[in-house]
Amino acid sequence: MADRGRAAFFDVDGTLVRTNIVHTFAWYALNQGSIFGTAWQTARTVASVPLFWATDRLNRKLFNELFYRYYAGQSEDRLVGLADEMFEEVLRPAIFPGAPRLLGDARRAGCRIVFVTGALDFTVARLARHLEADDVIANRMRFVDGVATGQVVPPVIEGAHKALAIRDYCVREALALERSFAYSDSFSDYPMLAVVGHPTAVNPDGKLRGVARAYDWPVVDTTGAST
């Protein structure tokens, strides 16, 4: 039986770019205030950003439920349209210098490049095209009649659900999970890293660095010019 193909699954925030989804939200609120209606609503939204930072650190599931609620009532066309501008102003300048090389190494090894992120799919679409990803696993906002409901289509892509999404993707695409790679900077993505045959810690936080050391996982740095 011929060997099945393999993929390289990349977390995005902190791994390939220095920003995260709170930066994206803050950009919408600060630079495109009209998206949130009145000046009062915009000010209230901006004031909520510190709450998002704190919640993200304490409970990722609660963070996602709280965070995406703020998109309720927004036009799908406007959100998608603004994503291109946000890519140019926020994401493109935030790409780590070593990210293209890390992606290139995986591509030359014969891997399908797949981004796995808790961000909304339309906010990372341009980044994925720019970095030549083959596919994206991301959260998807539920829209009704072209208007955001503030809820994402389940399952929410975060923590252990990233690992489940990767496993399901490999089954669906006939890829070998044990021959595949995963890359992340955060201990919260331990399930995603552990589910593949070849995990790598990238710019790891303290807890992930300790795990990588214990299991002898490779550790790379994309924040500089080389990995």
C-alpha atoms as a PDB file:
ATOM      1  CA  MET A   1       0.000   0.000   0.000  1.00  0.00           C
ATOM      2  CA  ALA A   2       1.404   3.404  -0.952  1.00  0.00           C
ATOM      3  CA  ASP A   3       2.203   5.913   1.769  1.00  0.00           C
ATOM      4  CA  ARG A   4      -0.517   8.446   2.380  1.00  0.00           C
ATOM      5  CA  GLY A   5       0.287  12.137   2.100  1.00  0.00           C
ATOM      6  CA  ARG A   6       1.031  14.363   5.044  1.00  0.00           C
ATOM      7  CA  ALA A   7       0.290  17.881   6.171  1.00  0.00           C
ATOM      8  CA  ALA A   8       1.897  20.591   8.252  1.00  0.00           C
ATOM      9  CA  PHE A   9      -0.609  22.278  10.548  1.00  0.00           C
ATOM     10  CA  PHE A  10       0.316  25.791  11.674  1.00  0.00           C
ATOM     11  CA  ASP A  11      -1.197  27.823  14.465  1.00  0.00           C
ATOM     12  CA  VAL A  12      -1.171  31.447  13.293  1.00  0.00           C
ATOM     13  CA  ASP A  13      -1.127  33.930  16.198  1.00  0.00           C
ATOM     14  CA  GLY A  14       2.257  33.980  17.912  1.00  0.00           C
ATOM     15  CA  THR A  15       3.582  31.323  15.548  1.00  0.00           C
ATOM     16  CA  LEU A  16       3.540  33.008  12.154  1.00  0.00           C
ATOM     17  CA  VAL A  17       2.483  36.548  13.151  1.00  0.00           C
ATOM     18  CA  ARG A  18       2.989  38.637  16.272  1.00  0.00           C
ATOM     19  CA  THR A  19      -0.690  39.631  16.508  1.00  0.00           C
ATOM     20  CA  ASN A  20      -3.776  37.800  17.739  1.00  0.00           C
ATOM     21  CA  ILE A  21      -7.533  38.040  17.234  1.00  0.00           C
ATOM     22  CA  VAL A  22      -7.869  40.746  19.882  1.00  0.00           C
ATOM     23  CA  HIS A  23      -5.571  42.944  17.767  1.00  0.00           C
ATOM     24  CA  THR A  24      -7.879  42.300  14.823  1.00  0.00           C
ATOM     25  CA  PHE A  25     -10.942  43.267  16.813  1.00  0.00           C
ATOM     26  CA  ALA A  26      -9.248  46.376  18.218  1.00  0.00           C
ATOM     27  CA  TRP A  27      -8.330  47.460  14.690  1.00  0.00           C
ATOM     28  CA  TYR A  28     -11.949  47.182  13.584  1.00  0.00           C
ATOM     29  CA  ALA A  29     -13.092  49.166  16.614  1.00  0.00           C
ATOM     30  CA  LEU A  30     -10.454  51.896  16.511  1.00  0.00           C
ATOM     31  CA  ASN A  31     -10.015  52.413  12.775  1.00  0.00           C
ATOM     32  CA  GLN A  32     -13.440  51.567  11.433  1.00  0.00           C
ATOM     33  CA  GLY A  33     -15.622  52.808  14.258  1.00  0.00           C
ATOM     34  CA  SER A  34     -18.707  53.112  12.102  1.00  0.00           C
ATOM     35  CA  ILE A  35     -18.864  49.342  11.932  1.00  0.00           C
ATOM     36  CA  PHE A  36     -20.134  49.379  15.501  1.00  0.00           C
ATOM     37  CA  GLY A  37     -22.759  52.066  14.983  1.00  0.00           C
ATOM     38  CA  THR A  38     -22.812  55.111  17.229  1.00  0.00           C
ATOM     39  CA  ALA A  39     -19.789  56.753  18.802  1.00  0.00           C
ATOM     40  CA  TRP A  40     -21.009  55.507  22.203  1.00  0.00           C
ATOM     41  CA  GLN A  41     -21.159  51.921  20.988  1.00  0.00           C
ATOM     42  CA  THR A  42     -17.688  52.256  19.508  1.00  0.00           C
ATOM     43  CA  ALA A  43     -16.285  53.643  22.758  1.00  0.00           C
ATOM     44  CA  ARG A  44     -17.913  50.819  24.704  1.00  0.00           C
ATOM     45  CA  THR A  45     -16.399  48.286  22.318  1.00  0.00           C
ATOM     46  CA  VAL A  46     -12.892  49.744  22.626  1.00  0.00           C
ATOM     47  CA  ALA A  47     -13.236  49.773  26.411  1.00  0.00           C
ATOM     48  CA  SER A  48     -13.980  46.035  26.326  1.00  0.00           C
ATOM     49  CA  VAL A  49     -10.596  45.153  24.793  1.00  0.00           C
ATOM     50  CA  PRO A  50      -8.814  44.763  28.198  1.00  0.00           C
ATOM     51  CA  LEU A  51     -11.593  42.372  29.239  1.00  0.00           C
ATOM     52  CA  PHE A  52     -10.883  40.293  26.141  1.00  0.00           C
ATOM     53  CA  TRP A  53      -7.180  40.127  26.986  1.00  0.00           C
ATOM     54  CA  ALA A  54      -7.943  38.910  30.508  1.00  0.00           C
ATOM     55  CA  THR A  55     -10.580  36.397  29.433  1.00  0.00           C
ATOM     56  CA  ASP A  56      -8.324  34.983  26.726  1.00  0.00           C
ATOM     57  CA  ARG A  57      -5.712  34.165  29.355  1.00  0.00           C
ATOM     58  CA  LEU A  58      -8.187  32.567  31.756  1.00  0.00           C
ATOM     59  CA  ASN A  59     -10.707  30.664  29.643  1.00  0.00           C
ATOM     60  CA  ARG A  60     -10.386  30.336  25.870  1.00  0.00           C
ATOM     61  CA  LYS A  61     -13.883  28.895  25.376  1.00  0.00           C
ATOM     62  CA  LEU A  62     -15.512  31.737  27.327  1.00  0.00           C
ATOM     63  CA  PHE A  63     -13.323  34.203  25.460  1.00  0.00           C
ATOM     64  CA  ASN A  64     -14.574  32.974  22.092  1.00  0.00           C
ATOM     65  CA  GLU A  65     -18.223  33.132  23.148  1.00  0.00           C
ATOM     66  CA  LEU A  66     -17.806  36.663  24.528  1.00  0.00           C
ATOM     67  CA  PHE A  67     -15.580  37.946  21.742  1.00  0.00           C
ATOM     68  CA  TYR A  68     -17.636  36.932  18.730  1.00  0.00           C
ATOM     69  CA  ARG A  69     -20.852  38.251  20.262  1.00  0.00           C
ATOM     70  CA  TYR A  70     -19.617  41.760  19.466  1.00  0.00           C
ATOM     71  CA  TYR A  71     -19.879  41.068  15.739  1.00  0.00           C
ATOM     72  CA  ALA A  72     -23.650  40.541  15.950  1.00  0.00           C
ATOM     73  CA  GLY A  73     -25.635  42.711  13.558  1.00  0.00           C
ATOM     74  CA  GLN A  74     -22.737  43.509  11.231  1.00  0.00           C
ATOM     75  CA  SER A  75     -23.019  43.100   7.469  1.00  0.00           C
ATOM     76  CA  GLU A  76     -21.157  40.126   6.029  1.00  0.00           C
ATOM     77  CA  ASP A  77     -20.118  42.164   3.000  1.00  0.00           C
ATOM     78  CA  ARG A  78     -18.651  44.918   5.172  1.00  0.00           C
ATOM     79  CA  LEU A  79     -16.795  42.530   7.472  1.00  0.00           C
ATOM     80  CA  VAL A  80     -15.282  40.654   4.548  1.00  0.00           C
ATOM     81  CA  GLY A  81     -14.425  43.874   2.717  1.00  0.00           C
ATOM     82  CA  LEU A  82     -12.664  45.380   5.724  1.00  0.00           C
ATOM     83  CA  ALA A  83     -10.609  42.192   6.152  1.00  0.00           C
ATOM     84  CA  ASP A  84      -8.489  43.096   3.107  1.00  0.00           C
ATOM     85  CA  GLU A  85      -7.628  46.476   4.572  1.00  0.00           C
ATOM     86  CA  MET A  86      -6.941  44.928   7.961  1.00  0.00           C
ATOM     87  CA  PHE A  87      -4.528  42.457   6.361  1.00  0.00           C
ATOM     88  CA  GLU A  88      -2.504  45.277   4.814  1.00  0.00           C
ATOM     89  CA  GLU A  89      -2.429  47.413   7.959  1.00  0.00           C
ATOM     90  CA  VAL A  90      -2.205  44.805  10.726  1.00  0.00           C
ATOM     91  CA  LEU A  91      -1.350  41.276   9.632  1.00  0.00           C
ATOM     92  CA  ARG A  92       1.103  41.733   6.794  1.00  0.00           C
ATOM     93  CA  PRO A  93       3.474  43.956   8.827  1.00  0.00           C
ATOM     94  CA  ALA A  94       3.207  41.493  11.728  1.00  0.00           C
ATOM     95  CA  ILE A  95       4.468  38.419   9.864  1.00  0.00           C
ATOM     96  CA  PHE A  96       7.510  37.087  11.695  1.00  0.00           C
ATOM     97  CA  PRO A  97      10.718  37.240   9.620  1.00  0.00           C
ATOM     98  CA  GLY A  98      11.291  33.504  10.026  1.00  0.00           C
ATOM     99  CA  ALA A  99       7.752  32.443   9.111  1.00  0.00           C
ATOM    100  CA  PRO A 100       8.256  32.165   5.320  1.00  0.00           C
ATOM    101  CA  ARG A 101      11.290  29.944   5.794  1.00  0.00           C
ATOM    102  CA  LEU A 102       9.476  27.664   8.245  1.00  0.00           C
ATOM    103  CA  LEU A 103       6.578  27.322   5.817  1.00  0.00           C
ATOM    104  CA  GLY A 104       8.968  26.763   2.943  1.00  0.00           C
ATOM    105  CA  ASP A 105      10.775  23.963   4.792  1.00  0.00           C
ATOM    106  CA  ALA A 106       7.456  22.177   5.367  1.00  0.00           C
ATOM    107  CA  ARG A 107       6.432  22.665   1.739  1.00  0.00           C
ATOM    108  CA  ARG A 108       9.726  21.258   0.461  1.00  0.00           C
ATOM    109  CA  ALA A 109       9.234  18.241   2.722  1.00  0.00           C
ATOM    110  CA  GLY A 110       6.114  17.439   0.720  1.00  0.00           C
ATOM    111  CA  CYS A 111       3.572  18.654   3.269  1.00  0.00           C
ATOM    112  CA  ARG A 112       0.243  20.256   2.563  1.00  0.00           C
ATOM    113  CA  ILE A 113       0.254  23.596   4.403  1.00  0.00           C
ATOM    114  CA  VAL A 114      -2.801  24.085   6.612  1.00  0.00           C
ATOM    115  CA  PHE A 115      -3.428  27.005   8.981  1.00  0.00           C
ATOM    116  CA  VAL A 116      -5.370  26.138  12.139  1.00  0.00           C
ATOM    117  CA  THR A 117      -6.656  29.199  13.980  1.00  0.00           C
ATOM    118  CA  GLY A 118      -9.357  30.423  16.313  1.00  0.00           C
ATOM    119  CA  ALA A 119      -9.697  33.552  14.181  1.00  0.00           C
ATOM    120  CA  LEU A 120     -12.639  34.034  11.843  1.00  0.00           C
ATOM    121  CA  ASP A 121     -12.015  32.593   8.398  1.00  0.00           C
ATOM    122  CA  PHE A 122     -12.497  35.854   6.502  1.00  0.00           C
ATOM    123  CA  THR A 123      -9.954  37.670   8.703  1.00  0.00           C
ATOM    124  CA  VAL A 124      -7.134  35.250   7.810  1.00  0.00           C
ATOM    125  CA  ALA A 125      -8.034  34.491   4.179  1.00  0.00           C
ATOM    126  CA  ARG A 126      -5.672  37.127   2.737  1.00  0.00           C
ATOM    127  CA  LEU A 127      -2.854  36.064   5.072  1.00  0.00           C
ATOM    128  CA  ALA A 128      -3.284  32.444   3.995  1.00  0.00           C
ATOM    129  CA  ARG A 129      -3.116  33.410   0.320  1.00  0.00           C
ATOM    130  CA  HIS A 130      -0.104  35.656   0.921  1.00  0.00           C
ATOM    131  CA  LEU A 131       1.808  32.884   2.715  1.00  0.00           C
ATOM    132  CA  GLU A 132       0.624  30.316   0.155  1.00  0.00           C
ATOM    133  CA  ALA A 133      -1.242  28.033   2.548  1.00  0.00           C
ATOM    134  CA  ASP A 134      -3.120  25.195   0.874  1.00  0.00           C
ATOM    135  CA  ASP A 135      -6.028  25.238   3.293  1.00  0.00           C
ATOM    136  CA  VAL A 136      -7.376  26.928   6.427  1.00  0.00           C
ATOM    137  CA  ILE A 137      -9.197  25.502   9.432  1.00  0.00           C
ATOM    138  CA  ALA A 138     -10.774  28.493  11.190  1.00  0.00           C
ATOM    139  CA  ASN A 139     -13.887  29.628  12.995  1.00  0.00           C
ATOM    140  CA  ARG A 140     -16.811  30.606  10.798  1.00  0.00           C
ATOM    141  CA  MET A 141     -19.305  33.270  11.782  1.00  0.00           C
ATOM    142  CA  ARG A 142     -22.940  32.303  11.426  1.00  0.00           C
ATOM    143  CA  PHE A 143     -24.698  34.749   9.092  1.00  0.00           C
ATOM    144  CA  VAL A 144     -28.440  35.018   8.527  1.00  0.00           C
ATOM    145  CA  ASP A 145     -29.559  36.999   5.477  1.00  0.00           C
ATOM    146  CA  GLY A 146     -26.070  38.471   5.212  1.00  0.00           C
ATOM    147  CA  VAL A 147     -25.957  39.673   8.828  1.00  0.00           C
ATOM    148  CA  ALA A 148     -23.675  38.303  11.566  1.00  0.00           C
ATOM    149  CA  THR A 149     -25.455  36.573  14.448  1.00  0.00           C
ATOM    150  CA  GLY A 150     -22.503  36.872  16.834  1.00  0.00           C
ATOM    151  CA  GLN A 151     -22.243  33.075  17.020  1.00  0.00           C
ATOM    152  CA  VAL A 152     -19.733  30.817  15.315  1.00  0.00           C
ATOM    153  CA  VAL A 153     -20.608  27.632  13.509  1.00  0.00           C
ATOM    154  CA  PRO A 154     -19.707  24.761  15.879  1.00  0.00           C
ATOM    155  CA  PRO A 155     -17.393  23.271  16.798  1.00  0.00           C
ATOM    156  CA  VAL A 156     -15.393  26.284  17.972  1.00  0.00           C
ATOM    157  CA  ILE A 157     -11.763  25.938  16.858  1.00  0.00           C
ATOM    158  CA  GLU A 158      -9.754  26.246  20.053  1.00  0.00           C
ATOM    159  CA  GLY A 159      -7.702  24.079  22.413  1.00  0.00           C
ATOM    160  CA  ALA A 160      -8.602  20.410  22.189  1.00  0.00           C
ATOM    161  CA  HIS A 161     -10.984  21.113  19.309  1.00  0.00           C
ATOM    162  CA  LYS A 162      -7.985  22.031  17.162  1.00  0.00           C
ATOM    163  CA  ALA A 163      -6.692  18.490  17.628  1.00  0.00           C
ATOM    164  CA  LEU A 164     -10.082  17.026  16.703  1.00  0.00           C
ATOM    165  CA  ALA A 165     -10.266  19.258  13.630  1.00  0.00           C
ATOM    166  CA  ILE A 166      -6.799  18.133  12.537  1.00  0.00           C
ATOM    167  CA  ARG A 167      -7.655  14.471  13.022  1.00  0.00           C
ATOM    168  CA  ASP A 168     -10.904  14.843  11.072  1.00  0.00           C
ATOM    169  CA  TYR A 169      -9.106  16.757   8.321  1.00  0.00           C
ATOM    170  CA  CYS A 170      -6.552  13.973   7.896  1.00  0.00           C
ATOM    171  CA  VAL A 171      -9.306  11.361   7.687  1.00  0.00           C
ATOM    172  CA  ARG A 172     -11.276  13.412   5.169  1.00  0.00           C
ATOM    173  CA  GLU A 173      -8.249  14.199   3.005  1.00  0.00           C
ATOM    174  CA  ALA A 174      -6.639  10.744   3.325  1.00  0.00           C
ATOM    175  CA  LEU A 175      -3.544  12.152   5.028  1.00  0.00           C
ATOM    176  CA  ALA A 176      -1.364  10.259   7.495  1.00  0.00           C
ATOM    177  CA  LEU A 177      -1.718  11.838  10.935  1.00  0.00           C
ATOM    178  CA  GLU A 178       1.371  10.054  12.226  1.00  0.00           C
ATOM    179  CA  ARG A 179       3.466  11.467   9.345  1.00  0.00           C
ATOM    180  CA  SER A 180       2.121  14.991   9.725  1.00  0.00           C
ATOM    181  CA  PHE A 181       3.585  18.004  11.512  1.00  0.00           C
ATOM    182  CA  ALA A 182       2.128  20.677  13.819  1.00  0.00           C
ATOM    183  CA  TYR A 183       3.540  24.015  14.942  1.00  0.00           C
ATOM    184  CA  SER A 184       2.395  26.312  17.747  1.00  0.00           C
ATOM    185  CA  ASP A 185       3.657  28.818  20.303  1.00  0.00           C
ATOM    186  CA  SER A 186       1.160  28.144  23.088  1.00  0.00           C
ATOM    187  CA  PHE A 187       0.699  25.457  25.718  1.00  0.00           C
ATOM    188  CA  SER A 188      -3.043  25.775  25.085  1.00  0.00           C
ATOM    189  CA  ASP A 189      -2.320  24.062  21.757  1.00  0.00           C
ATOM    190  CA  TYR A 190      -0.704  21.032  23.400  1.00  0.00           C
ATOM    191  CA  PRO A 191      -3.516  18.742  22.107  1.00  0.00           C
ATOM    192  CA  MET A 192      -2.911  19.966  18.555  1.00  0.00           C
ATOM    193  CA  LEU A 193       0.802  19.268  18.861  1.00  0.00           C
ATOM    194  CA  ALA A 194       0.408  15.899  20.556  1.00  0.00           C
ATOM    195  CA  VAL A 195      -2.045  14.502  18.008  1.00  0.00           C
ATOM    196  CA  VAL A 196       0.474  14.489  15.120  1.00  0.00           C
ATOM    197  CA  GLY A 197       3.605  12.458  14.665  1.00  0.00           C
ATOM    198  CA  HIS A 198       5.942  15.460  14.454  1.00  0.00           C
ATOM    199  CA  PRO A 199       5.179  18.392  16.819  1.00  0.00           C
ATOM    200  CA  THR A 200       7.291  21.548  16.965  1.00  0.00           C
ATOM    201  CA  ALA A 201       7.191  24.369  19.506  1.00  0.00           C
ATOM    202  CA  VAL A 202       7.566  27.771  17.845  1.00  0.00           C
ATOM    203  CA  ASN A 203       8.400  30.837  19.965  1.00  0.00           C
ATOM    204  CA  PRO A 204       7.028  28.799  22.883  1.00  0.00           C
ATOM    205  CA  ASP A 205       5.606  30.184  26.101  1.00  0.00           C
ATOM    206  CA  GLY A 206       7.140  28.920  29.334  1.00  0.00           C
ATOM    207  CA  LYS A 207       4.852  25.929  29.811  1.00  0.00           C
ATOM    208  CA  LEU A 208       5.156  24.755  26.224  1.00  0.00           C
ATOM    209  CA  ARG A 209       8.924  25.145  26.339  1.00  0.00           C
ATOM    210  CA  GLY A 210       8.969  22.854  29.370  1.00  0.00           C
ATOM    211  CA  VAL A 211       6.828  20.262  27.570  1.00  0.00           C
ATOM    212  CA  ALA A 212       9.021  20.463  24.472  1.00  0.00           C
ATOM    213  CA  ARG A 213      12.108  19.904  26.600  1.00  0.00           C
ATOM    214  CA  ALA A 214      10.496  16.943  28.383  1.00  0.00           C
ATOM    215  CA  TYR A 215       9.426  15.234  25.143  1.00  0.00           C
ATOM    216  CA  ASP A 216      12.441  16.315  23.099  1.00  0.00           C
ATOM    217  CA  TRP A 217      10.327  18.240  20.603  1.00  0.00           C
ATOM    218  CA  PRO A 218      12.109  20.664  18.262  1.00  0.00           C
ATOM    219  CA  VAL A 219      11.969  24.320  19.312  1.00  0.00           C
ATOM    220  CA  VAL A 220      12.288  27.045  16.678  1.00  0.00           C
ATOM    221  CA  ASP A 221      12.175  30.826  16.655  1.00  0.00           C
ATOM    222  CA  THR A 222      10.404  32.686  13.852  1.00  0.00           C
ATOM    223  CA  THR A 223      10.814  36.122  15.412  1.00  0.00           C
ATOM    224  CA  GLY A 224      14.268  36.544  13.827  1.00  0.00           C
ATOM    225  CA  ALA A 225      15.507  36.279  10.253  1.00  0.00           C
ATOM    226  CA  SER A 226      16.166  32.528  10.481  1.00  0.00           C
ATOM    227  CA  THR A 227      14.585  29.474  12.138  1.00  0.00           C
END
